[in-house]
Each structure stands twice: as C-alpha cells, then as structure tokens.
Protein backbone atom coordinates (compact mmCIF):
# COMPACT_ATOMS: atom_id res chain seq x y z
CA MET A 1 -0.77 -5.17 13.12
CA ASN A 2 -2.66 -6.65 10.22
CA VAL A 3 -4.95 -4.81 7.85
CA GLU A 4 -7.10 -6.11 4.97
CA PHE A 5 -9.01 -3.92 2.61
CA ASP A 6 -10.32 -3.59 -0.91
CA GLY A 7 -9.13 -0.84 -3.20
CA GLU A 8 -8.86 0.35 -6.81
CA ILE A 9 -5.53 0.39 -8.64
CA TRP A 10 -4.54 3.94 -9.97
CA TYR A 11 -1.82 5.19 -11.96
CA TRP A 12 0.25 8.20 -11.12
CA ARG A 13 1.54 9.92 -14.36
CA GLY A 14 4.27 12.02 -12.42
CA PRO A 15 7.94 12.32 -13.24
CA SER A 16 8.30 8.83 -11.82
CA PRO A 17 5.09 7.09 -13.05
CA PHE A 18 3.82 4.28 -10.82
CA TYR A 19 0.69 2.26 -9.75
CA PHE A 20 -0.79 2.46 -6.24
CA VAL A 21 -3.67 1.30 -4.18
CA THR A 22 -4.95 3.96 -1.53
CA VAL A 23 -5.43 2.68 2.11
CA PRO A 24 -9.11 3.47 3.29
CA ALA A 25 -9.55 6.12 5.94
CA LYS A 26 -10.32 3.87 8.75
CA GLU A 27 -7.22 1.83 8.12
CA CYS A 28 -5.07 4.96 7.72
CA HIS A 29 -6.39 6.05 11.17
CA ASP A 30 -5.10 2.91 12.62
CA LEU A 31 -1.80 3.18 10.85
CA LYS A 32 -1.36 6.73 12.27
CA ALA A 33 -1.88 5.68 15.74
CA ILE A 34 1.23 3.35 15.46
CA LEU A 35 3.15 5.77 13.21
CA GLY A 36 5.64 6.63 15.78
CA LEU A 37 6.61 3.16 16.46
CA VAL A 38 7.18 1.94 12.92
CA THR A 39 8.37 4.79 10.61
CA TYR A 40 11.75 5.11 9.42
CA GLY A 41 11.28 8.69 8.39
CA TRP A 42 9.14 10.98 6.12
CA GLY A 43 6.12 9.06 7.36
CA MET A 44 6.94 6.08 5.49
CA ILE A 45 5.68 2.71 7.10
CA PRO A 46 7.38 -0.52 6.22
CA ALA A 47 5.01 -3.31 5.44
CA THR A 48 4.67 -6.85 4.05
CA VAL A 49 1.97 -6.65 1.49
CA ARG A 50 -0.06 -9.45 -0.12
CA ILE A 51 -2.39 -9.37 -3.21
CA GLY A 52 -3.65 -12.80 -4.33
CA GLU A 53 -0.56 -15.17 -4.10
CA THR A 54 1.96 -12.62 -4.37
CA GLU A 55 3.70 -11.13 -1.19
CA TRP A 56 6.41 -8.62 -1.00
CA LYS A 57 8.11 -6.18 1.34
CA THR A 58 7.55 -2.42 0.66
CA SER A 59 6.76 0.87 2.41
CA LEU A 60 3.44 2.74 2.53
CA TRP A 61 3.71 6.22 1.36
CA PRO A 62 1.90 9.12 2.95
CA LYS A 63 -0.25 11.24 0.55
CA ASN A 64 -2.70 13.84 1.28
CA GLY A 65 -3.30 12.75 4.82
CA SER A 66 -3.73 9.20 3.61
CA TYR A 67 -1.39 6.29 2.68
CA ILE A 68 -0.79 4.67 -0.57
CA VAL A 69 0.61 1.11 -1.37
CA PRO A 70 2.97 1.11 -4.32
CA LEU A 71 2.47 -1.84 -6.78
CA LYS A 72 5.74 -3.20 -8.31
CA VAL A 73 5.62 -4.40 -12.06
CA ILE A 74 6.40 -8.03 -10.91
CA VAL A 75 3.44 -7.97 -8.62
CA ARG A 76 1.15 -6.53 -11.33
CA GLU A 77 2.47 -9.15 -13.81
CA ALA A 78 2.20 -12.08 -11.44
CA GLU A 79 -1.38 -11.17 -10.62
CA ASN A 80 -2.35 -9.93 -13.99
CA LEU A 81 -3.45 -6.45 -12.62
CA LYS A 82 -4.06 -3.27 -14.28
CA GLU A 83 -5.26 0.15 -13.70
CA GLY A 84 -9.00 0.29 -12.50
CA ASP A 85 -8.88 -3.20 -11.08
CA THR A 86 -10.24 -3.78 -7.42
CA VAL A 87 -7.94 -5.91 -5.41
CA THR A 88 -8.00 -7.26 -1.82
CA VAL A 89 -4.76 -5.91 -0.06
CA GLY A 90 -3.41 -7.52 3.07
CA LEU A 91 -0.98 -5.33 5.06
CA GLU A 92 1.30 -6.56 7.94
CA VAL A 93 2.99 -3.91 9.87
CA ASN A 94 5.42 -5.12 12.62
CA LEU A 95 5.52 -3.13 15.74
C-alpha cells in the first residue's frame, strides 16, 4: 500500500520530545483497514517513509484515532525541516 499526503510538522514537548507529521483522516481510514495484516502490536504500523530525497524505515504511531509519522533528526537535518513546515510525505506499507 502506497500513500502520499501533505502535512505540517509539529513538535511534541512531552517527556520524550519529538517532531511528527499527522496522517490525514482519509489515509488513516485506509491504514486502519489493513491494520490487522501489518501491525506488530500496540497499533504500530511499520512503514518506509520518504520526504524529499530522504527515505527511512520507521513505524506509524497511533494517536487520538489517527496516525503520526515520527521525523528523525537525521531526516530533518538532511531536508532542512523545522516545526511548522508543510511537507509531502510518501508512505509505503508492505502487506
């Protein structure tokens, strides 16, 4: 399953601060449809993610009925990204 969407980078200031992009509702609906085939527990979905020229493997995290994409430091630095930027995210989830 391949998905592409635009989203804004946001910062979570919790005990383990991190940057994320929220997957839009329609794409979350599609991901939930295959959840039982791909999750490895806790609703986490392994995916290959692409922003710009940078591609990496991660897991989509469930949050408030949606999914969020964590953005590693190396990705943000390689693509010169910061909080509030709008990015095009490509997701590949293998069934």
